[in-house]
Amino acid sequence: PLPPSNHAFQEMVPFHIGRHLAVGESVFAETFGDYLDGWKALYDRALGGEKVIAEIDVTGPRGIRKHEIRLNTVREVHGAVIGATVFSRDVTERKLTETRPPPPERVRSRARR
């Protein structure tokens, strides 16, 4: 079930499914294709106890953005898995910088006297 979440998530869900989710409603109750399947696979890994770090393309109101996603397992006091946290960071600008070729080096010529 979905607990209260951050503004970015609350903005993304209606973009994809056309409505807001109610507190406690599972995000996986909706079907929106491969996008949901990819998220479900990440959650399954985290709910299996794995610390997950992935880079994915996120389509939203600002177009397609590259995000670094981190999912961490949440356990109760005796160690049983009870959920997962998800942190998403927009790394689009960093990725664009990494793929841009470096600027050409300037060669300074000095006049000889």
N, C-alpha and C. Protein backbone atom coordinates (compact mmCIF):
# COMPACT_ATOMS: atom_id res chain seq x y z
N PRO A 1 0.82 -1.20 0.00
CA PRO A 1 0.00 0.00 0.00
C PRO A 1 0.86 1.26 0.00
N LEU A 2 0.34 2.30 -0.56
CA LEU A 2 1.06 3.55 -0.70
C LEU A 2 0.85 4.45 0.49
N PRO A 3 1.93 4.75 1.22
CA PRO A 3 1.79 5.74 2.30
C PRO A 3 1.84 7.14 1.69
N PRO A 4 1.58 8.16 2.49
CA PRO A 4 1.73 9.52 1.95
C PRO A 4 3.14 9.67 1.39
N SER A 5 3.26 10.31 0.25
CA SER A 5 4.57 10.39 -0.40
C SER A 5 4.89 11.82 -0.80
N ASN A 6 6.02 11.98 -1.43
CA ASN A 6 6.49 13.31 -1.77
C ASN A 6 5.76 13.92 -2.95
N HIS A 7 5.98 15.20 -3.13
CA HIS A 7 5.30 15.97 -4.18
C HIS A 7 5.59 15.42 -5.58
N ALA A 8 6.86 15.08 -5.85
CA ALA A 8 7.22 14.59 -7.18
C ALA A 8 6.44 13.33 -7.54
N PHE A 9 6.33 12.41 -6.59
CA PHE A 9 5.58 11.18 -6.84
C PHE A 9 4.10 11.49 -7.07
N GLN A 10 3.56 12.36 -6.25
CA GLN A 10 2.15 12.72 -6.39
C GLN A 10 1.88 13.43 -7.72
N GLU A 11 2.89 14.03 -8.31
CA GLU A 11 2.76 14.66 -9.62
C GLU A 11 2.86 13.62 -10.74
N MET A 12 3.71 12.61 -10.56
CA MET A 12 3.95 11.61 -11.60
C MET A 12 2.80 10.63 -11.79
N VAL A 13 2.19 10.20 -10.69
CA VAL A 13 1.14 9.18 -10.78
C VAL A 13 -0.03 9.65 -11.66
N PRO A 14 -0.61 10.83 -11.41
CA PRO A 14 -1.71 11.25 -12.27
C PRO A 14 -1.30 11.45 -13.73
N PHE A 15 -0.05 11.79 -13.94
CA PHE A 15 0.45 11.93 -15.32
C PHE A 15 0.31 10.60 -16.05
N HIS A 16 0.59 9.50 -15.34
CA HIS A 16 0.56 8.18 -15.97
C HIS A 16 -0.81 7.51 -15.94
N ILE A 17 -1.56 7.68 -14.85
CA ILE A 17 -2.82 6.94 -14.75
C ILE A 17 -4.06 7.83 -14.78
N GLY A 18 -3.86 9.15 -14.83
CA GLY A 18 -4.99 10.05 -14.98
C GLY A 18 -5.74 10.39 -13.70
N ARG A 19 -5.20 9.99 -12.56
CA ARG A 19 -5.83 10.31 -11.28
C ARG A 19 -4.82 10.13 -10.17
N HIS A 20 -5.14 10.69 -9.00
CA HIS A 20 -4.29 10.51 -7.81
C HIS A 20 -4.63 9.18 -7.15
N LEU A 21 -3.66 8.59 -6.49
CA LEU A 21 -3.90 7.40 -5.68
C LEU A 21 -4.35 7.83 -4.30
N ALA A 22 -5.18 7.03 -3.69
CA ALA A 22 -5.61 7.28 -2.31
C ALA A 22 -4.54 6.73 -1.37
N VAL A 23 -4.40 7.34 -0.20
CA VAL A 23 -3.47 6.83 0.80
C VAL A 23 -3.84 5.38 1.11
N GLY A 24 -2.85 4.52 1.07
CA GLY A 24 -3.08 3.10 1.33
C GLY A 24 -3.34 2.28 0.08
N GLU A 25 -3.59 2.94 -1.05
CA GLU A 25 -3.86 2.22 -2.31
C GLU A 25 -2.54 1.79 -2.94
N SER A 26 -2.50 0.59 -3.47
CA SER A 26 -1.29 0.08 -4.10
C SER A 26 -1.09 0.71 -5.47
N VAL A 27 0.12 1.16 -5.70
CA VAL A 27 0.46 1.71 -7.01
C VAL A 27 0.38 0.62 -8.07
N PHE A 28 0.52 -0.62 -7.67
CA PHE A 28 0.48 -1.72 -8.63
C PHE A 28 -0.93 -2.19 -8.95
N ALA A 29 -1.94 -1.54 -8.37
CA ALA A 29 -3.33 -1.86 -8.71
C ALA A 29 -3.66 -1.35 -10.11
N GLU A 30 -2.92 -0.34 -10.56
CA GLU A 30 -3.13 0.24 -11.89
C GLU A 30 -2.24 -0.48 -12.89
N THR A 31 -2.64 -0.47 -14.12
CA THR A 31 -1.83 -1.07 -15.17
C THR A 31 -1.49 0.01 -16.18
N PHE A 32 -0.21 0.26 -16.34
CA PHE A 32 0.19 1.15 -17.42
C PHE A 32 1.46 0.63 -18.10
N GLY A 33 1.37 -0.65 -18.48
CA GLY A 33 2.35 -1.25 -19.38
C GLY A 33 3.73 -1.53 -18.83
N ASP A 34 4.68 -1.47 -19.75
CA ASP A 34 6.07 -1.81 -19.44
C ASP A 34 6.65 -0.93 -18.36
N TYR A 35 6.20 0.32 -18.30
CA TYR A 35 6.71 1.24 -17.29
C TYR A 35 6.46 0.68 -15.90
N LEU A 36 5.24 0.22 -15.65
CA LEU A 36 4.89 -0.36 -14.36
C LEU A 36 5.65 -1.66 -14.14
N ASP A 37 5.78 -2.47 -15.18
CA ASP A 37 6.50 -3.74 -15.05
C ASP A 37 7.94 -3.51 -14.60
N GLY A 38 8.58 -2.47 -15.14
CA GLY A 38 9.95 -2.15 -14.74
C GLY A 38 10.03 -1.76 -13.27
N TRP A 39 9.07 -0.93 -12.82
CA TRP A 39 9.05 -0.55 -11.40
C TRP A 39 8.77 -1.75 -10.51
N LYS A 40 7.85 -2.61 -10.94
CA LYS A 40 7.51 -3.80 -10.14
C LYS A 40 8.75 -4.68 -9.96
N ALA A 41 9.54 -4.83 -11.00
CA ALA A 41 10.76 -5.64 -10.91
C ALA A 41 11.73 -5.04 -9.89
N LEU A 42 11.85 -3.70 -9.87
CA LEU A 42 12.73 -3.05 -8.89
C LEU A 42 12.22 -3.27 -7.47
N TYR A 43 10.91 -3.09 -7.28
CA TYR A 43 10.31 -3.32 -5.95
C TYR A 43 10.50 -4.77 -5.51
N ASP A 44 10.29 -5.73 -6.42
CA ASP A 44 10.44 -7.14 -6.07
C ASP A 44 11.84 -7.43 -5.55
N ARG A 45 12.85 -6.83 -6.18
CA ARG A 45 14.22 -7.02 -5.72
C ARG A 45 14.41 -6.45 -4.32
N ALA A 46 13.89 -5.23 -4.10
CA ALA A 46 14.03 -4.60 -2.78
C ALA A 46 13.26 -5.39 -1.71
N LEU A 47 12.08 -5.85 -2.06
CA LEU A 47 11.28 -6.62 -1.10
C LEU A 47 11.89 -8.00 -0.84
N GLY A 48 12.80 -8.41 -1.70
CA GLY A 48 13.55 -9.65 -1.50
C GLY A 48 14.80 -9.43 -0.66
N GLY A 49 15.02 -8.19 -0.19
CA GLY A 49 16.14 -7.90 0.68
C GLY A 49 17.34 -7.26 0.01
N GLU A 50 17.26 -7.03 -1.30
CA GLU A 50 18.39 -6.45 -2.03
C GLU A 50 18.35 -4.92 -1.99
N LYS A 51 19.52 -4.31 -1.84
CA LYS A 51 19.63 -2.86 -1.99
C LYS A 51 19.75 -2.60 -3.49
N VAL A 52 18.85 -1.81 -4.04
CA VAL A 52 18.76 -1.63 -5.49
C VAL A 52 19.15 -0.21 -5.87
N ILE A 53 20.05 -0.10 -6.83
CA ILE A 53 20.39 1.19 -7.43
C ILE A 53 20.30 1.00 -8.93
N ALA A 54 19.51 1.85 -9.59
CA ALA A 54 19.32 1.73 -11.03
C ALA A 54 19.16 3.11 -11.64
N GLU A 55 19.52 3.23 -12.91
CA GLU A 55 19.24 4.44 -13.67
C GLU A 55 18.16 4.10 -14.67
N ILE A 56 17.10 4.91 -14.67
CA ILE A 56 15.99 4.65 -15.57
C ILE A 56 15.53 5.96 -16.20
N ASP A 57 14.85 5.83 -17.34
CA ASP A 57 14.21 6.98 -17.96
C ASP A 57 12.84 7.13 -17.33
N VAL A 58 12.53 8.34 -16.87
CA VAL A 58 11.25 8.63 -16.24
C VAL A 58 10.53 9.64 -17.13
N THR A 59 9.35 9.25 -17.61
CA THR A 59 8.55 10.15 -18.43
C THR A 59 7.54 10.84 -17.53
N GLY A 60 7.52 12.16 -17.60
CA GLY A 60 6.62 12.93 -16.76
C GLY A 60 6.27 14.25 -17.40
N PRO A 61 5.71 15.16 -16.63
CA PRO A 61 5.29 16.45 -17.16
C PRO A 61 6.42 17.25 -17.81
N ARG A 62 7.67 17.00 -17.40
CA ARG A 62 8.81 17.72 -17.99
C ARG A 62 9.49 16.92 -19.10
N GLY A 63 8.80 15.89 -19.62
CA GLY A 63 9.38 15.08 -20.68
C GLY A 63 10.12 13.88 -20.11
N ILE A 64 11.02 13.33 -20.89
CA ILE A 64 11.79 12.17 -20.45
C ILE A 64 13.03 12.67 -19.73
N ARG A 65 13.20 12.20 -18.49
CA ARG A 65 14.34 12.58 -17.66
C ARG A 65 15.04 11.31 -17.20
N LYS A 66 16.33 11.38 -17.00
CA LYS A 66 17.12 10.25 -16.48
C LYS A 66 17.15 10.39 -14.96
N HIS A 67 16.76 9.31 -14.26
CA HIS A 67 16.75 9.31 -12.79
C HIS A 67 17.59 8.18 -12.24
N GLU A 68 18.28 8.47 -11.14
CA GLU A 68 18.94 7.43 -10.36
C GLU A 68 17.94 7.04 -9.28
N ILE A 69 17.58 5.77 -9.26
CA ILE A 69 16.59 5.25 -8.33
C ILE A 69 17.29 4.37 -7.31
N ARG A 70 16.97 4.58 -6.03
CA ARG A 70 17.51 3.74 -4.95
C ARG A 70 16.34 3.19 -4.16
N LEU A 71 16.29 1.88 -4.04
CA LEU A 71 15.27 1.23 -3.23
C LEU A 71 15.97 0.50 -2.09
N ASN A 72 15.44 0.67 -0.90
CA ASN A 72 15.99 0.02 0.29
C ASN A 72 14.89 -0.75 1.00
N THR A 73 15.25 -1.91 1.48
CA THR A 73 14.32 -2.76 2.22
C THR A 73 14.01 -2.15 3.58
N VAL A 74 12.75 -2.19 3.97
CA VAL A 74 12.33 -1.78 5.31
C VAL A 74 11.97 -3.05 6.07
N ARG A 75 12.57 -3.22 7.24
CA ARG A 75 12.34 -4.42 8.03
C ARG A 75 11.75 -4.04 9.39
N GLU A 76 10.97 -4.94 9.94
CA GLU A 76 10.46 -4.74 11.30
C GLU A 76 11.52 -5.20 12.28
N VAL A 77 11.29 -4.99 13.54
CA VAL A 77 12.29 -5.21 14.58
C VAL A 77 12.86 -6.64 14.57
N HIS A 78 12.12 -7.63 14.16
CA HIS A 78 12.60 -9.01 14.13
C HIS A 78 13.21 -9.41 12.79
N GLY A 79 13.28 -8.45 11.85
CA GLY A 79 13.95 -8.71 10.58
C GLY A 79 13.04 -9.01 9.40
N ALA A 80 11.76 -9.17 9.64
CA ALA A 80 10.85 -9.46 8.52
C ALA A 80 10.70 -8.22 7.63
N VAL A 81 10.69 -8.44 6.33
CA VAL A 81 10.54 -7.34 5.37
C VAL A 81 9.09 -6.86 5.41
N ILE A 82 8.93 -5.54 5.58
CA ILE A 82 7.58 -4.98 5.63
C ILE A 82 7.35 -3.91 4.56
N GLY A 83 8.37 -3.62 3.77
CA GLY A 83 8.20 -2.61 2.72
C GLY A 83 9.52 -2.20 2.13
N ALA A 84 9.46 -1.12 1.36
CA ALA A 84 10.67 -0.58 0.73
C ALA A 84 10.54 0.93 0.63
N THR A 85 11.67 1.60 0.77
CA THR A 85 11.70 3.04 0.51
C THR A 85 12.25 3.25 -0.89
N VAL A 86 11.82 4.33 -1.52
CA VAL A 86 12.30 4.65 -2.87
C VAL A 86 12.75 6.10 -2.88
N PHE A 87 13.95 6.29 -3.34
CA PHE A 87 14.49 7.64 -3.52
C PHE A 87 14.86 7.80 -4.98
N SER A 88 14.45 8.90 -5.55
CA SER A 88 14.71 9.17 -6.95
C SER A 88 15.41 10.52 -7.08
N ARG A 89 16.46 10.56 -7.87
CA ARG A 89 17.19 11.81 -8.08
C ARG A 89 17.34 12.03 -9.58
N ASP A 90 16.94 13.20 -10.04
CA ASP A 90 17.06 13.56 -11.45
C ASP A 90 18.53 13.80 -11.76
N VAL A 91 19.10 12.96 -12.63
CA VAL A 91 20.50 13.08 -13.00
C VAL A 91 20.66 13.43 -14.48
N THR A 92 19.60 13.95 -15.08
CA THR A 92 19.60 14.25 -16.51
C THR A 92 20.75 15.17 -16.90
N GLU A 93 20.89 16.27 -16.19
CA GLU A 93 21.93 17.25 -16.55
C GLU A 93 23.33 16.63 -16.43
N ARG A 94 23.55 15.86 -15.38
CA ARG A 94 24.85 15.21 -15.20
C ARG A 94 25.13 14.24 -16.35
N LYS A 95 24.13 13.47 -16.74
CA LYS A 95 24.31 12.50 -17.83
C LYS A 95 24.58 13.21 -19.15
N LEU A 96 23.91 14.34 -19.39
CA LEU A 96 24.16 15.11 -20.61
C LEU A 96 25.59 15.63 -20.63
N THR A 97 26.07 16.09 -19.49
CA THR A 97 27.44 16.59 -19.38
C THR A 97 28.43 15.47 -19.64
N GLU A 98 28.15 14.28 -19.12
CA GLU A 98 29.05 13.14 -19.30
C GLU A 98 29.13 12.70 -20.76
N THR A 99 28.05 12.87 -21.52
CA THR A 99 28.04 12.40 -22.91
C THR A 99 28.47 13.46 -23.91
N ARG A 100 28.56 14.72 -23.47
CA ARG A 100 29.03 15.79 -24.37
C ARG A 100 30.53 15.65 -24.58
N PRO A 101 30.96 15.86 -25.81
CA PRO A 101 32.42 15.84 -26.01
C PRO A 101 33.05 17.05 -25.32
N PRO A 102 34.26 16.90 -24.86
CA PRO A 102 34.91 18.04 -24.20
C PRO A 102 35.13 19.16 -25.21
N PRO A 103 35.15 20.40 -24.73
CA PRO A 103 35.41 21.50 -25.66
C PRO A 103 36.81 21.39 -26.22
N PRO A 104 36.99 21.85 -27.45
CA PRO A 104 38.34 21.75 -28.03
C PRO A 104 39.33 22.60 -27.23
N GLU A 105 40.54 22.10 -27.14
CA GLU A 105 41.56 22.86 -26.42
C GLU A 105 41.99 24.03 -27.28
N ARG A 106 42.19 25.13 -26.64
CA ARG A 106 42.68 26.29 -27.36
C ARG A 106 44.21 26.28 -27.33
N VAL A 107 44.76 26.47 -28.46
CA VAL A 107 46.22 26.53 -28.55
C VAL A 107 46.58 27.99 -28.71
N ARG A 108 47.36 28.45 -27.80
CA ARG A 108 47.81 29.84 -27.86
C ARG A 108 49.15 29.91 -28.57
N SER A 109 49.17 30.73 -29.53
CA SER A 109 50.48 30.92 -30.20
C SER A 109 51.08 32.21 -29.68
N ARG A 110 52.33 32.16 -29.48
CA ARG A 110 53.05 33.35 -29.01
C ARG A 110 53.96 33.82 -30.15
N ALA A 111 53.85 35.06 -30.40
CA ALA A 111 54.71 35.62 -31.45
C ALA A 111 56.15 35.59 -30.95
N ARG A 112 57.03 35.17 -31.81
CA ARG A 112 58.44 35.13 -31.43
C ARG A 112 59.06 36.48 -31.75
N ARG A 113 59.90 36.90 -30.88
CA ARG A 113 60.54 38.20 -31.07
C ARG A 113 61.87 38.06 -31.71
